[in-house]
Amino acid sequence: MNDSPKRPRIVRNDYRALHPPTSSDWRPSLAVSVVIPAFGGQEKLDLTLAALAAQTYPAELMEVVVVDDNSTPALRLPQLRPEHTRLVVPTGESWGSAHAVNTGVSHADGQVILRLDSDMVAYRDHVEAHLRWHHSADYLAVLGHKRFVDYKAGTYTPEQVHEKVLCGEAEALFEIESSRPQWIEKVIADTDGLTVHHPMNYRVFIGASGSLHRDFFKTVGGLDAELRLGSDTEFAYRLAQAGAVFVPETESSAWHLGIPQMLEKEAEGRLQRLPYIVQRVPLHGLRHTAPPRAWRVPLVDMVIDVGRANVADVDAAVAPVLAGPDGDVRITLVTGQSPAAHDRAAILSGDGTQLRLIEEMYAGEARVRLSAEAPEADPAVPYRLHLPRPVPLRPNSVGKLLGSMERADAGLVLAELPGSGPARLERTAAFCRARHITGGGDLDHVVAGVWGVATHAGLAAPEADTAFNPPPVDLARRFARRFLDARARARLRSIFKK
């Protein structure tokens, strides 16, 4: 399938291949819904809406959806606001910014969603700057620029803000010297505007001003409303997994009225978010130092075709991975057959014996599951490793494969295995983007173009390293001697105690 004009092939995160419209005679065609989650702060909301009423983006293509997240007293819409503005009040017991954003999107009609905080004063071309990018491609996550300022109630009226923004003088509302930048500006600078790919570039897509196509928002699944803290980070991670390209928009800006609580209590907030984020975002640094365990979202989905293999062969491939440094995995053993029968006839005849033994071997291991067919790729898991047969791997083989992938910035790594086809390590983000661009077909070819393919050698362990080789005789004898010596020492201690 040919690429869509709105789905150009962007290599990794190098969005410089795009050419957003810039001419004065540009005629935008995309409708945008500005979704504003709000909890209290009526005065700041009034200023936010006053600035939005002065935007350069065509009024007939812009709507504003304000979501009152159970404020007391309830929020109201001021007189000075964009022409198409609605106030939505959610029902039920759910609360939090994630739930409010999802609610706003469900009421939105625009093709593009721009999330804006209720304490932001946007420059006159802020919305237009976002939308220029979205007219170039439909899988971008555009991050708006902002500066934090100390704000005292009553500093400006909505009319004053509207006049300044309308005249193109929003930057004069506050002194740039006394404002504070976001920490993400350093990340953007260190990565040449995010064009240098890094698996954690998604971290910058948080908070006050971010936009993406509505269909892409829904494909990813929206924000996790169960997360009261860190929902934007987790959502940004899933966007990256879906193949999003992250674009920092720096031509326009906005003022954030006041220093947010999470900035004032940064260390405390980070500690409160950490357990929730680590469970759901495998790329978090804590995963590299934590002992192997079962996580809500694993780092690697490992799929092994076991066919008619016996339990010894399967365990020789699986046990070292679970017990070693590569234990942040979820292993699916693809049997290619229906579950083994456990009735008397099957057991007495030996029919399905090996499959029953494999089932029993991993019945208590949460990281291992059996399936008749290979499961669909989980979009939340960053890497997927497929082995065409159970083969013992060298120590830390999965980690070394991942290292090969990251060093090459590849979307696919192929590793030859003796006696079978190659093992495949796939980067989920690369394959999701390839699928989004083309709708199917030869994904390997597309991944090679937008992310690259690498090879890896020495994946399988030598026969002597397999888990089921018996210990040498001298080691067995040494163990027996130590056991007997221990019994003798215990007997002597009991005699002297008497």
Protein backbone atom coordinates (compact mmCIF):
# COMPACT_ATOMS: atom_id res chain seq x y z
CA MET A 1 0.00 0.00 0.00
CA ASN A 2 1.30 3.46 -0.87
CA ASP A 3 1.97 5.97 1.87
CA SER A 4 -0.76 8.51 2.56
CA PRO A 5 0.18 12.20 2.04
CA LYS A 6 -0.61 12.66 5.74
CA ARG A 7 1.56 9.70 6.68
CA PRO A 8 5.03 10.43 5.28
CA ARG A 9 7.93 8.21 6.27
CA ILE A 10 9.77 9.98 9.08
CA VAL A 11 13.04 8.34 10.10
CA ARG A 12 13.03 7.74 13.85
CA ASN A 13 12.17 11.18 15.30
CA ASP A 14 13.74 13.38 12.65
CA TYR A 15 10.69 15.50 11.81
CA ARG A 16 12.86 17.94 9.81
CA ALA A 17 11.76 16.01 6.72
CA LEU A 18 8.34 17.64 7.13
CA HIS A 19 7.49 20.99 5.58
CA PRO A 20 4.58 22.53 7.48
CA PRO A 21 2.79 25.33 5.61
CA THR A 22 4.18 28.79 6.35
CA SER A 23 2.93 31.06 3.58
CA SER A 24 0.62 33.95 4.35
CA ASP A 25 -2.01 32.57 1.97
CA TRP A 26 -2.21 29.22 3.81
CA ARG A 27 -5.77 27.97 4.10
CA PRO A 28 -6.09 25.58 7.08
CA SER A 29 -8.60 22.77 6.81
CA LEU A 30 -8.34 20.87 10.10
CA ALA A 31 -10.80 21.61 12.91
CA VAL A 32 -9.24 21.75 16.37
CA SER A 33 -10.76 21.17 19.78
CA VAL A 34 -8.93 22.88 22.64
CA VAL A 35 -9.63 20.70 25.69
CA ILE A 36 -9.13 22.42 29.04
CA PRO A 37 -9.32 20.29 32.21
CA ALA A 38 -10.05 22.63 35.12
CA PHE A 39 -10.36 22.35 38.89
CA GLY A 40 -11.12 25.66 40.53
CA GLY A 41 -9.22 28.80 39.55
CA GLN A 42 -12.03 30.75 37.90
CA GLU A 43 -9.93 33.92 37.55
CA LYS A 44 -7.09 32.16 35.72
CA LEU A 45 -9.57 30.29 33.52
CA ASP A 46 -11.08 33.64 32.50
CA LEU A 47 -7.65 34.85 31.37
CA THR A 48 -7.00 31.58 29.50
CA LEU A 49 -10.25 31.92 27.56
CA ALA A 50 -9.61 35.62 26.88
CA ALA A 51 -6.28 34.71 25.23
CA LEU A 52 -7.92 31.96 23.20
CA ALA A 53 -10.51 34.45 21.95
CA ALA A 54 -7.67 36.37 20.26
CA GLN A 55 -6.07 33.46 18.35
CA THR A 56 -5.11 33.73 14.69
CA TYR A 57 -6.50 30.29 13.87
CA PRO A 58 -9.89 30.61 12.12
CA ALA A 59 -12.72 30.81 14.65
CA GLU A 60 -14.92 28.56 12.53
CA LEU A 61 -12.31 25.78 12.81
CA MET A 62 -11.72 26.09 16.56
CA GLU A 63 -13.83 25.02 19.51
CA VAL A 64 -13.01 25.04 23.22
CA VAL A 65 -14.21 22.35 25.61
CA VAL A 66 -13.79 23.23 29.30
CA VAL A 67 -14.19 20.28 31.65
CA ASP A 68 -15.04 21.20 35.25
CA ASP A 69 -13.42 18.50 37.38
CA ASN A 70 -15.92 18.79 40.28
CA SER A 71 -14.90 22.31 41.32
CA THR A 72 -16.45 23.98 44.36
CA PRO A 73 -17.90 26.45 43.59
CA ALA A 74 -18.69 25.22 40.10
CA LEU A 75 -16.92 26.90 37.21
CA ARG A 76 -18.74 29.12 34.74
CA LEU A 77 -17.99 30.41 31.27
CA PRO A 78 -17.08 34.13 31.21
CA GLN A 79 -18.49 36.53 28.68
CA LEU A 80 -15.13 37.03 26.97
CA ARG A 81 -14.38 33.67 25.38
CA PRO A 82 -14.01 32.04 21.93
CA GLU A 83 -17.18 31.85 19.89
CA HIS A 84 -17.49 28.06 20.09
CA THR A 85 -16.92 27.28 23.77
CA ARG A 86 -18.66 24.64 25.88
CA LEU A 87 -18.57 23.73 29.55
CA VAL A 88 -18.78 20.02 30.40
CA VAL A 89 -19.40 18.77 33.92
CA PRO A 90 -18.65 15.03 34.32
CA THR A 91 -21.00 12.91 36.38
CA GLY A 92 -20.03 10.08 38.69
CA GLU A 93 -17.21 9.67 41.17
CA SER A 94 -14.25 9.75 38.76
CA TRP A 95 -11.92 12.70 39.08
CA GLY A 96 -8.45 13.87 38.07
CA SER A 97 -6.92 15.53 35.04
CA ALA A 98 -6.71 12.27 33.05
CA HIS A 99 -10.43 11.64 33.43
CA ALA A 100 -11.19 15.28 32.62
CA VAL A 101 -9.13 15.19 29.42
CA ASN A 102 -10.76 11.94 28.29
CA THR A 103 -14.16 13.46 29.00
CA GLY A 104 -13.31 16.55 26.99
CA VAL A 105 -12.11 14.50 24.04
CA SER A 106 -15.31 12.42 24.10
CA HIS A 107 -17.28 15.69 23.69
CA ALA A 108 -14.93 17.18 21.10
CA ASP A 109 -15.71 17.44 17.40
CA GLY A 110 -12.32 18.58 16.08
CA GLN A 111 -9.93 16.44 14.06
CA VAL A 112 -7.06 17.64 16.27
CA ILE A 113 -7.03 17.75 20.06
CA LEU A 114 -4.99 20.47 21.79
CA ARG A 115 -4.83 19.98 25.55
CA LEU A 116 -4.29 23.26 27.40
CA ASP A 117 -4.18 23.86 31.15
CA SER A 118 -6.70 26.24 32.67
CA ASP A 119 -3.98 28.59 33.93
CA MET A 120 -2.28 29.28 30.60
CA VAL A 121 -2.21 32.51 28.61
CA ALA A 122 -1.35 31.52 25.05
CA TYR A 123 0.32 33.82 22.54
CA ARG A 124 -1.78 34.91 19.58
CA ASP A 125 -0.44 32.28 17.18
CA HIS A 126 -0.17 29.45 19.71
CA VAL A 127 -2.99 27.31 18.28
CA GLU A 128 -1.96 28.05 14.70
CA ALA A 129 1.63 27.01 15.41
CA HIS A 130 0.42 23.61 16.63
CA LEU A 131 -1.93 23.09 13.69
CA ARG A 132 0.63 23.87 11.00
CA TRP A 133 2.46 20.69 12.01
CA HIS A 134 -0.69 18.58 12.04
CA HIS A 135 -1.46 19.55 8.46
CA SER A 136 1.84 17.80 7.54
CA ALA A 137 1.33 14.41 9.20
CA ASP A 138 -1.31 12.70 11.31
CA TYR A 139 0.92 10.88 13.80
CA LEU A 140 2.70 13.80 15.45
CA ALA A 141 2.66 14.71 19.13
CA VAL A 142 3.35 18.45 19.21
CA LEU A 143 4.55 20.06 22.43
CA GLY A 144 3.90 23.75 22.98
CA HIS A 145 6.41 26.08 24.61
CA LYS A 146 5.71 27.87 27.91
CA ARG A 147 7.31 29.81 30.75
CA PHE A 148 6.30 29.78 34.41
CA VAL A 149 5.61 33.10 36.13
CA ASP A 150 4.64 34.08 39.66
CA TYR A 151 1.12 35.42 39.43
CA LYS A 152 -0.89 37.51 41.88
CA ALA A 153 -4.67 37.60 41.65
CA GLY A 154 -5.97 40.75 39.99
CA THR A 155 -2.81 41.53 38.03
CA TYR A 156 -4.77 41.58 34.77
CA THR A 157 -8.40 41.62 33.71
CA PRO A 158 -9.59 39.36 30.87
CA GLU A 159 -10.05 42.45 28.71
CA GLN A 160 -6.43 43.52 29.23
CA VAL A 161 -5.12 40.07 28.38
CA HIS A 162 -7.32 39.88 25.29
CA GLU A 163 -6.11 43.26 24.05
CA LYS A 164 -2.43 42.41 24.51
CA VAL A 165 -2.75 39.01 22.82
CA LEU A 166 -4.83 40.43 19.98
CA CYS A 167 -2.16 43.05 19.31
CA GLY A 168 0.54 40.37 19.22
CA GLU A 169 2.10 41.64 22.46
CA ALA A 170 1.51 38.64 24.74
CA GLU A 171 5.23 38.41 25.47
CA ALA A 172 5.00 41.83 27.17
CA LEU A 173 2.52 40.63 29.81
CA PHE A 174 5.35 39.40 32.06
CA GLU A 175 9.11 39.81 32.33
CA ILE A 176 10.98 36.99 30.69
CA GLU A 177 13.89 37.52 33.10
CA SER A 178 11.76 36.63 36.11
CA SER A 179 10.08 33.61 34.52
CA ARG A 180 11.16 29.99 34.87
CA PRO A 181 11.69 27.50 32.04
CA GLN A 182 10.57 23.89 31.95
CA TRP A 183 13.14 21.16 32.62
CA ILE A 184 12.24 19.66 29.28
CA GLU A 185 13.98 22.53 27.49
CA LYS A 186 17.33 21.00 28.41
CA VAL A 187 16.24 17.61 27.01
CA ILE A 188 15.15 19.31 23.79
CA ALA A 189 18.47 21.19 23.53
CA ASP A 190 20.54 18.06 24.25
CA THR A 191 18.77 16.12 21.48
CA ASP A 192 18.95 18.83 18.81
CA GLY A 193 15.27 19.57 19.13
CA LEU A 194 14.42 15.87 19.71
CA THR A 195 15.69 14.99 16.23
CA VAL A 196 18.39 12.80 17.80
CA HIS A 197 16.46 9.67 18.66
CA HIS A 198 16.36 8.43 22.23
CA PRO A 199 13.88 5.82 23.53
CA MET A 200 12.82 8.24 26.28
CA ASN A 201 12.13 11.31 24.13
CA TYR A 202 8.48 10.85 25.02
CA ARG A 203 9.15 12.28 28.52
CA VAL A 204 8.82 15.83 27.22
CA PHE A 205 5.22 15.41 26.10
CA ILE A 206 3.62 16.30 29.40
CA GLY A 207 1.38 18.90 30.92
CA ALA A 208 0.05 22.15 29.79
CA SER A 209 0.16 22.41 25.98
CA GLY A 210 0.21 19.36 23.73
CA SER A 211 -1.66 18.35 20.60
CA LEU A 212 -2.29 15.32 18.39
CA HIS A 213 -4.83 14.01 15.93
CA ARG A 214 -8.04 12.85 17.57
CA ASP A 215 -7.96 9.48 15.80
CA PHE A 216 -4.41 8.89 17.08
CA PHE A 217 -5.54 9.78 20.61
CA LYS A 218 -8.26 7.14 20.37
CA THR A 219 -5.99 4.54 18.80
CA VAL A 220 -3.63 4.82 21.76
CA GLY A 221 -6.57 4.55 24.17
CA GLY A 222 -6.56 7.96 25.81
CA LEU A 223 -5.15 8.65 29.25
CA ASP A 224 -5.31 6.11 32.07
CA ALA A 225 -7.95 7.61 34.36
CA GLU A 226 -6.93 5.27 37.19
CA LEU A 227 -3.61 7.10 37.44
CA ARG A 228 -4.06 10.16 39.64
CA LEU A 229 -0.37 11.05 39.26
CA GLY A 230 1.86 10.57 36.24
CA SER A 231 -0.94 9.89 33.75
CA ASP A 232 0.53 12.27 31.17
CA THR A 233 3.93 10.55 31.29
CA GLU A 234 2.37 7.12 30.90
CA PHE A 235 0.20 8.37 28.03
CA ALA A 236 3.22 9.89 26.29
CA TYR A 237 5.01 6.53 26.62
CA ARG A 238 2.11 4.78 24.89
CA LEU A 239 2.16 7.41 22.16
CA ALA A 240 5.82 6.58 21.55
CA GLN A 241 4.97 2.90 21.45
CA ALA A 242 2.33 3.61 18.81
CA GLY A 243 4.96 5.22 16.59
CA ALA A 244 4.36 8.90 17.34
CA VAL A 245 6.88 11.53 16.29
CA PHE A 246 7.44 14.15 18.99
CA VAL A 247 7.78 17.73 17.78
CA PRO A 248 8.67 20.67 20.05
CA GLU A 249 6.95 23.81 18.76
CA THR A 250 9.10 26.79 19.69
CA GLU A 251 7.88 29.48 17.29
CA SER A 252 5.09 30.46 19.69
CA SER A 253 4.80 30.32 23.47
CA ALA A 254 2.50 30.77 26.46
CA TRP A 255 2.60 31.99 30.05
CA HIS A 256 1.84 29.56 32.85
CA LEU A 257 0.22 31.58 35.63
CA GLY A 258 1.82 30.46 38.86
CA ILE A 259 4.32 27.77 39.83
CA PRO A 260 2.58 24.36 39.81
CA GLN A 261 2.63 22.19 42.90
CA MET A 262 4.59 19.46 41.13
CA LEU A 263 7.35 21.96 40.37
CA GLU A 264 7.49 23.35 43.90
CA LYS A 265 7.47 19.84 45.42
CA GLU A 266 9.38 18.12 42.63
CA ALA A 267 11.22 15.52 44.76
CA GLU A 268 8.14 14.57 46.74
CA GLY A 269 6.01 14.36 43.61
CA ARG A 270 8.57 12.16 41.89
CA LEU A 271 8.53 9.70 44.79
CA GLN A 272 4.73 9.57 44.77
CA ARG A 273 4.59 8.87 41.04
CA LEU A 274 7.47 6.40 40.89
CA PRO A 275 5.72 3.08 41.71
CA TYR A 276 2.88 3.80 39.30
CA ILE A 277 5.16 4.85 36.46
CA VAL A 278 7.67 2.01 36.89
CA GLN A 279 4.92 -0.60 36.74
CA ARG A 280 3.65 0.74 33.42
CA VAL A 281 6.74 2.21 31.71
CA PRO A 282 9.42 -0.47 31.23
CA LEU A 283 11.97 2.05 29.93
CA HIS A 284 12.19 3.77 33.32
CA GLY A 285 15.71 3.69 34.71
CA LEU A 286 14.69 1.89 37.93
CA ARG A 287 13.94 -1.21 35.90
CA HIS A 288 17.65 -1.61 35.14
CA THR A 289 18.58 -1.99 38.81
CA ALA A 290 15.51 -3.71 40.27
CA PRO A 291 15.69 -7.49 40.91
CA PRO A 292 13.86 -9.66 38.35
CA ARG A 293 10.14 -9.79 39.02
CA ALA A 294 6.79 -9.72 37.28
CA TRP A 295 5.80 -6.19 36.28
CA ARG A 296 2.46 -4.93 35.04
CA VAL A 297 4.11 -4.14 31.68
CA PRO A 298 7.30 -6.14 30.93
CA LEU A 299 10.30 -4.82 29.05
CA VAL A 300 10.31 -7.69 26.56
CA ASP A 301 7.63 -10.02 25.24
CA MET A 302 9.46 -13.25 24.47
CA VAL A 303 7.60 -15.62 22.14
CA ILE A 304 9.00 -19.16 21.72
CA ASP A 305 7.64 -21.73 19.29
CA VAL A 306 7.90 -24.94 21.32
CA GLY A 307 5.99 -27.24 18.95
CA ARG A 308 6.55 -30.83 20.09
CA ALA A 309 9.62 -29.98 22.21
CA ASN A 310 10.05 -31.82 25.48
CA VAL A 311 9.99 -30.18 28.87
CA ALA A 312 13.77 -30.40 29.27
CA ASP A 313 14.40 -28.46 26.06
CA VAL A 314 11.83 -25.83 26.98
CA ASP A 315 13.16 -25.33 30.49
CA ALA A 316 16.73 -25.13 29.22
CA ALA A 317 15.64 -22.09 27.20
CA VAL A 318 13.30 -20.50 29.72
CA ALA A 319 14.78 -21.05 33.18
CA PRO A 320 18.06 -19.14 32.66
CA VAL A 321 16.16 -16.12 31.33
CA LEU A 322 13.79 -16.00 34.29
CA ALA A 323 16.56 -16.46 36.85
CA GLY A 324 19.11 -14.09 35.34
CA PRO A 325 19.42 -10.38 34.58
CA ASP A 326 17.02 -10.75 31.62
CA GLY A 327 14.09 -11.54 33.90
CA ASP A 328 12.03 -8.45 32.99
CA VAL A 329 10.16 -10.52 30.41
CA ARG A 330 6.83 -12.12 29.70
CA ILE A 331 7.32 -15.46 27.94
CA THR A 332 4.67 -17.00 25.72
CA LEU A 333 5.24 -20.64 24.80
CA VAL A 334 3.46 -21.23 21.50
CA THR A 335 2.48 -24.91 21.40
CA GLY A 336 0.65 -25.02 18.08
CA GLN A 337 -1.86 -27.43 19.60
CA SER A 338 -4.86 -27.53 21.87
CA PRO A 339 -4.30 -27.85 25.64
CA ALA A 340 -3.36 -31.35 26.70
CA ALA A 341 -6.13 -33.61 28.01
CA HIS A 342 -5.92 -34.63 31.67
CA ASP A 343 -8.35 -37.56 31.55
CA ARG A 344 -7.43 -41.15 32.40
CA ALA A 345 -7.18 -42.35 28.80
CA ALA A 346 -4.78 -39.59 27.78
CA ILE A 347 -2.57 -40.00 30.85
CA LEU A 348 -2.38 -43.80 30.58
CA SER A 349 -1.62 -43.65 26.88
CA GLY A 350 0.98 -40.95 27.33
CA ASP A 351 -0.80 -38.68 24.86
CA GLY A 352 0.24 -35.08 25.49
CA THR A 353 2.69 -35.98 28.26
CA GLN A 354 5.28 -33.34 27.41
CA LEU A 355 2.69 -30.59 27.10
CA ARG A 356 1.22 -31.50 30.50
CA LEU A 357 4.71 -31.41 32.02
CA ILE A 358 5.37 -27.98 30.50
CA GLU A 359 2.05 -26.73 31.87
CA GLU A 360 2.89 -28.02 35.33
CA MET A 361 6.47 -26.72 35.22
CA TYR A 362 5.27 -23.10 34.85
CA ALA A 363 1.88 -23.24 36.56
CA GLY A 364 3.11 -20.97 39.35
CA GLU A 365 5.26 -18.62 37.25
CA ALA A 366 3.42 -15.39 36.44
CA ARG A 367 5.89 -14.48 33.71
CA VAL A 368 5.17 -17.58 31.59
CA ARG A 369 2.01 -18.47 29.70
CA LEU A 370 1.07 -21.11 27.14
CA SER A 371 -0.85 -20.42 23.96
CA ALA A 372 -1.88 -22.49 20.96
CA GLU A 373 -1.09 -19.54 18.66
CA ALA A 374 1.33 -16.63 18.79
CA PRO A 375 -0.38 -13.67 20.49
CA GLU A 376 -0.84 -10.30 18.87
CA ALA A 377 1.95 -7.84 19.68
CA ASP A 378 1.20 -5.90 22.85
CA PRO A 379 1.54 -2.18 22.00
CA ALA A 380 2.48 -1.34 25.60
CA VAL A 381 5.59 -3.58 25.60
CA PRO A 382 8.59 -1.87 23.96
CA TYR A 383 10.33 -4.97 22.59
CA ARG A 384 9.24 -8.35 21.23
CA LEU A 385 11.70 -11.26 20.86
CA HIS A 386 10.65 -14.28 18.79
CA LEU A 387 12.57 -17.57 18.93
CA PRO A 388 11.60 -20.14 16.27
CA ARG A 389 12.46 -22.97 18.67
CA PRO A 390 13.47 -23.35 22.33
CA VAL A 391 17.19 -22.75 22.44
CA PRO A 392 19.41 -22.07 25.47
CA LEU A 393 20.75 -18.54 25.30
CA ARG A 394 24.05 -17.20 26.46
CA PRO A 395 23.98 -15.29 29.79
CA ASN A 396 22.43 -11.83 29.40
CA SER A 397 21.60 -12.58 25.76
CA VAL A 398 18.41 -10.54 25.81
CA GLY A 399 20.23 -7.57 27.30
CA LYS A 400 22.95 -7.84 24.66
CA LEU A 401 20.33 -8.00 21.91
CA LEU A 402 18.74 -4.85 23.28
CA GLY A 403 22.17 -3.24 23.38
CA SER A 404 22.72 -4.08 19.71
CA MET A 405 19.35 -2.56 18.87
CA GLU A 406 19.98 0.68 20.75
CA ARG A 407 23.53 1.13 19.46
CA ALA A 408 22.25 0.86 15.90
CA ASP A 409 18.99 2.71 16.66
CA ALA A 410 17.40 -0.18 14.80
CA GLY A 411 13.78 -1.19 14.57
CA LEU A 412 14.61 -4.86 14.01
CA VAL A 413 17.55 -7.08 15.01
CA LEU A 414 18.06 -10.50 13.43
CA ALA A 415 20.19 -13.15 15.16
CA GLU A 416 21.05 -16.41 13.44
CA LEU A 417 20.30 -19.63 15.31
CA PRO A 418 21.79 -23.03 14.38
CA GLY A 419 19.31 -25.37 12.79
CA SER A 420 16.44 -22.91 12.37
CA GLY A 421 15.42 -19.50 11.16
CA PRO A 422 16.73 -16.34 12.86
CA ALA A 423 15.58 -14.94 16.16
CA ARG A 424 13.83 -11.57 15.76
CA LEU A 425 13.93 -8.67 18.19
CA GLU A 426 11.34 -6.09 17.16
CA ARG A 427 10.97 -2.54 18.41
CA THR A 428 7.24 -2.04 18.96
CA ALA A 429 7.32 1.67 18.09
CA ALA A 430 8.96 0.97 14.74
CA PHE A 431 6.47 -1.71 13.70
CA CYS A 432 3.48 0.31 14.91
CA ARG A 433 4.64 3.29 12.85
CA ALA A 434 5.20 1.08 9.80
CA ARG A 435 1.70 -0.33 10.19
CA HIS A 436 0.23 3.17 10.59
CA ILE A 437 2.04 4.49 7.51
CA THR A 438 1.18 1.65 5.16
CA GLY A 439 -1.76 -0.18 6.75
CA GLY A 440 0.05 -3.52 6.39
CA GLY A 441 2.14 -5.30 3.79
CA ASP A 442 5.87 -5.93 4.10
CA LEU A 443 6.46 -4.27 7.46
CA ASP A 444 10.10 -5.38 7.62
CA HIS A 445 10.83 -3.36 4.50
CA VAL A 446 9.15 -0.25 5.91
CA VAL A 447 10.89 -0.64 9.28
CA ALA A 448 14.21 -0.89 7.47
CA GLY A 449 13.50 2.51 5.90
CA VAL A 450 12.21 4.40 8.93
CA TRP A 451 14.31 2.78 11.66
CA GLY A 452 16.87 0.36 10.24
CA VAL A 453 17.74 -3.34 10.62
CA ALA A 454 20.76 -4.76 12.46
CA THR A 455 22.23 -8.24 13.01
CA HIS A 456 23.55 -9.93 16.12
CA ALA A 457 25.85 -12.95 16.48
CA GLY A 458 26.46 -15.43 19.28
CA LEU A 459 22.94 -15.55 20.68
CA ALA A 460 22.69 -19.29 21.36
CA ALA A 461 24.75 -20.87 24.14
CA PRO A 462 27.17 -23.72 23.41
CA GLU A 463 25.83 -27.17 24.23
CA ALA A 464 27.95 -27.32 27.39
CA ASP A 465 26.15 -24.28 28.78
CA THR A 466 22.63 -25.76 28.68
CA ALA A 467 20.69 -25.84 31.91
CA PHE A 468 20.08 -29.60 31.84
CA ASN A 469 23.66 -30.84 31.62
CA PRO A 470 24.41 -32.94 34.75
CA PRO A 471 27.10 -31.58 37.11
CA PRO A 472 30.55 -33.16 36.89
CA VAL A 473 31.11 -36.15 39.17
CA ASP A 474 33.65 -34.37 41.36
CA LEU A 475 31.17 -31.55 42.06
CA ALA A 476 28.51 -34.07 43.08
CA ARG A 477 30.98 -35.82 45.41
CA ARG A 478 32.06 -32.52 46.88
CA PHE A 479 28.44 -31.66 47.65
CA ALA A 480 27.96 -35.07 49.32
CA ARG A 481 31.06 -34.58 51.49
CA ARG A 482 29.87 -31.13 52.58
CA PHE A 483 26.48 -32.54 53.47
CA LEU A 484 28.02 -35.36 55.55
CA ASP A 485 30.43 -32.92 57.24
CA ALA A 486 27.51 -30.72 58.21
CA ARG A 487 25.73 -33.67 59.81
CA ALA A 488 28.87 -34.58 61.74
CA ARG A 489 29.29 -31.02 63.04
CA ALA A 490 25.69 -30.92 64.15
CA ARG A 491 26.13 -34.23 66.02
CA LEU A 492 29.21 -32.92 67.84
CA ARG A 493 27.41 -29.71 68.86
CA SER A 494 24.56 -31.69 70.35
CA ILE A 495 27.00 -33.85 72.39
CA PHE A 496 28.85 -30.84 73.89
CA LYS A 497 25.59 -29.11 74.73
CA LYS A 498 24.73 -32.05 76.97
